Amino acid sequence: MKQMIGELSHKYRLPAICQWKDMAETDCIASYGITLHEFYTLIVDYVVRILKGAKPADLPVVQPTKFELVVNLRIAKTLGVAVPPTLLARADEVIE
C-alpha cells in the first residue's frame, strides 16, 4: 500500500504527505506523524498491562507526545513544489 501511494503520486504529479518517515524517504513530499519508536512504546505498554491482568476496557486512551516532520526536497523539486523556508526550519529532517 505504501509503495502504491508513492507510485500514484509520481504518476499523477500530486504531492503526497504521509504518516511514516520511510515513506517520505522514498515517495512522499513530506511525512508528519508519530515516530515508530513512540508507536511501539505505546503498544508495548498496553500489551504489558493486559498480560498483567488489566482489562482492555479499563485502559486509558493515550496520545503520542513525539511527532516528527520530514521533508523530501528531492521529491518536491521533481513535482515542482516550492517548500517554504519556514516549513524547512521546523522540519526534524530535510532530505535533499
C-alpha atoms as a PDB file:
ATOM      1  CA  MET A   1       0.000   0.000   0.000  1.00  0.00           C
ATOM      2  CA  LYS A   2       2.796   2.431   0.912  1.00  0.00           C
ATOM      3  CA  GLN A   3       4.522   1.867  -2.422  1.00  0.00           C
ATOM      4  CA  MET A   4       1.250   2.413  -4.304  1.00  0.00           C
ATOM      5  CA  ILE A   5       0.798   5.857  -2.731  1.00  0.00           C
ATOM      6  CA  GLY A   6       4.212   6.960  -3.976  1.00  0.00           C
ATOM      7  CA  GLU A   7       3.712   5.495  -7.443  1.00  0.00           C
ATOM      8  CA  LEU A   8       0.341   7.208  -7.871  1.00  0.00           C
ATOM      9  CA  SER A   9       1.760  10.466  -6.535  1.00  0.00           C
ATOM     10  CA  HIS A  10       4.511  10.422  -9.177  1.00  0.00           C
ATOM     11  CA  LYS A  11       2.260   9.194 -11.985  1.00  0.00           C
ATOM     12  CA  TYR A  12      -0.311  11.956 -11.488  1.00  0.00           C
ATOM     13  CA  ARG A  13       2.229  14.534 -10.235  1.00  0.00           C
ATOM     14  CA  LEU A  14       0.330  15.043  -6.974  1.00  0.00           C
ATOM     15  CA  PRO A  15       2.319  15.788  -3.838  1.00  0.00           C
ATOM     16  CA  ALA A  16       1.529  13.384  -1.024  1.00  0.00           C
ATOM     17  CA  ILE A  17       2.070  13.913   2.684  1.00  0.00           C
ATOM     18  CA  CYS A  18       2.311  10.642   4.529  1.00  0.00           C
ATOM     19  CA  GLN A  19       2.426   9.445   8.116  1.00  0.00           C
ATOM     20  CA  TRP A  20       5.659   7.457   8.274  1.00  0.00           C
ATOM     21  CA  LYS A  21       9.237   8.693   7.823  1.00  0.00           C
ATOM     22  CA  ASP A  22      10.205   5.844   5.475  1.00  0.00           C
ATOM     23  CA  MET A  23       7.515   6.967   3.036  1.00  0.00           C
ATOM     24  CA  ALA A  24       8.985  10.489   2.944  1.00  0.00           C
ATOM     25  CA  GLU A  25      12.416   8.997   2.365  1.00  0.00           C
ATOM     26  CA  THR A  26      11.233   7.273  -0.809  1.00  0.00           C
ATOM     27  CA  ASP A  27       7.951   8.552  -2.267  1.00  0.00           C
ATOM     28  CA  CYS A  28       6.171  11.342  -0.413  1.00  0.00           C
ATOM     29  CA  ILE A  29       6.963  15.027  -0.371  1.00  0.00           C
ATOM     30  CA  ALA A  30       6.728  15.019   3.431  1.00  0.00           C
ATOM     31  CA  SER A  31       5.660  12.996   6.410  1.00  0.00           C
ATOM     32  CA  TYR A  32       4.230  14.091   9.713  1.00  0.00           C
ATOM     33  CA  GLY A  33       3.308  11.679  12.413  1.00  0.00           C
ATOM     34  CA  ILE A  34       4.250   9.713  15.439  1.00  0.00           C
ATOM     35  CA  THR A  35       7.722   8.209  15.471  1.00  0.00           C
ATOM     36  CA  LEU A  36       7.896   4.443  15.189  1.00  0.00           C
ATOM     37  CA  HIS A  37       9.772   4.301  18.488  1.00  0.00           C
ATOM     38  CA  GLU A  38       6.925   6.122  20.257  1.00  0.00           C
ATOM     39  CA  PHE A  39       4.340   3.967  18.447  1.00  0.00           C
ATOM     40  CA  TYR A  40       5.937   0.720  19.586  1.00  0.00           C
ATOM     41  CA  THR A  41       6.469   2.063  23.110  1.00  0.00           C
ATOM     42  CA  LEU A  42       2.751   2.799  23.440  1.00  0.00           C
ATOM     43  CA  ILE A  43       1.801  -0.623  22.071  1.00  0.00           C
ATOM     44  CA  VAL A  44       4.206  -2.496  24.344  1.00  0.00           C
ATOM     45  CA  ASP A  45       2.892  -0.616  27.374  1.00  0.00           C
ATOM     46  CA  TYR A  46      -0.664  -1.718  26.564  1.00  0.00           C
ATOM     47  CA  VAL A  47       0.381  -5.344  25.971  1.00  0.00           C
ATOM     48  CA  VAL A  48       2.289  -5.473  29.276  1.00  0.00           C
ATOM     49  CA  ARG A  49      -0.688  -4.085  31.174  1.00  0.00           C
ATOM     50  CA  ILE A  50      -3.042  -6.644  29.594  1.00  0.00           C
ATOM     51  CA  LEU A  51      -0.651  -9.522  30.282  1.00  0.00           C
ATOM     52  CA  LYS A  52      -0.510  -8.400  33.922  1.00  0.00           C
ATOM     53  CA  GLY A  53      -4.296  -8.726  34.137  1.00  0.00           C
ATOM     54  CA  ALA A  54      -5.671  -5.309  33.242  1.00  0.00           C
ATOM     55  CA  LYS A  55      -8.947  -5.279  31.374  1.00  0.00           C
ATOM     56  CA  PRO A  56      -8.566  -3.623  27.952  1.00  0.00           C
ATOM     57  CA  ALA A  57     -11.752  -1.613  28.528  1.00  0.00           C
ATOM     58  CA  ASP A  58     -10.222  -0.093  31.675  1.00  0.00           C
ATOM     59  CA  LEU A  59      -7.026   1.093  29.987  1.00  0.00           C
ATOM     60  CA  PRO A  60      -6.765   4.835  29.393  1.00  0.00           C
ATOM     61  CA  VAL A  61      -6.623   6.303  25.923  1.00  0.00           C
ATOM     62  CA  VAL A  62      -3.150   7.721  25.410  1.00  0.00           C
ATOM     63  CA  GLN A  63      -1.963  10.310  22.924  1.00  0.00           C
ATOM     64  CA  PRO A  64       1.523  10.261  21.449  1.00  0.00           C
ATOM     65  CA  THR A  65       3.814  13.032  22.613  1.00  0.00           C
ATOM     66  CA  LYS A  66       6.534  12.968  19.938  1.00  0.00           C
ATOM     67  CA  PHE A  67       5.752  13.801  16.322  1.00  0.00           C
ATOM     68  CA  GLU A  68       8.249  14.059  13.501  1.00  0.00           C
ATOM     69  CA  LEU A  69       8.203  16.236  10.384  1.00  0.00           C
ATOM     70  CA  VAL A  70      10.332  15.046   7.464  1.00  0.00           C
ATOM     71  CA  VAL A  71      10.500  16.979   4.173  1.00  0.00           C
ATOM     72  CA  ASN A  72      11.875  15.438   0.979  1.00  0.00           C
ATOM     73  CA  LEU A  73      13.167  18.289  -1.187  1.00  0.00           C
ATOM     74  CA  ARG A  74      14.175  15.898  -3.980  1.00  0.00           C
ATOM     75  CA  ILE A  75      10.555  14.799  -4.458  1.00  0.00           C
ATOM     76  CA  ALA A  76       9.334  18.402  -4.071  1.00  0.00           C
ATOM     77  CA  LYS A  77      11.635  19.561  -6.868  1.00  0.00           C
ATOM     78  CA  THR A  78      10.585  16.629  -9.060  1.00  0.00           C
ATOM     79  CA  LEU A  79       6.929  17.625  -8.647  1.00  0.00           C
ATOM     80  CA  GLY A  80       7.647  21.351  -8.982  1.00  0.00           C
ATOM     81  CA  VAL A  81       6.546  22.211  -5.454  1.00  0.00           C
ATOM     82  CA  ALA A  82       8.225  25.078  -3.603  1.00  0.00           C
ATOM     83  CA  VAL A  83       8.663  24.331   0.089  1.00  0.00           C
ATOM     84  CA  PRO A  84       8.582  27.468   2.261  1.00  0.00           C
ATOM     85  CA  PRO A  85      11.738  28.133   4.298  1.00  0.00           C
ATOM     86  CA  THR A  86       9.636  28.378   7.472  1.00  0.00           C
ATOM     87  CA  LEU A  87       8.487  24.769   6.981  1.00  0.00           C
ATOM     88  CA  LEU A  88      12.049  23.636   6.355  1.00  0.00           C
ATOM     89  CA  ALA A  89      13.146  25.394   9.554  1.00  0.00           C
ATOM     90  CA  ARG A  90      10.564  23.456  11.561  1.00  0.00           C
ATOM     91  CA  ALA A  91      11.370  20.086   9.990  1.00  0.00           C
ATOM     92  CA  ASP A  92      13.076  17.444  12.110  1.00  0.00           C
ATOM     93  CA  GLU A  93      14.783  16.191   8.956  1.00  0.00           C
ATOM     94  CA  VAL A  94      15.209  17.559   5.435  1.00  0.00           C
ATOM     95  CA  ILE A  95      16.120  15.119   2.661  1.00  0.00           C
ATOM     96  CA  GLU A  96      17.967  16.722  -0.232  1.00  0.00           C
END
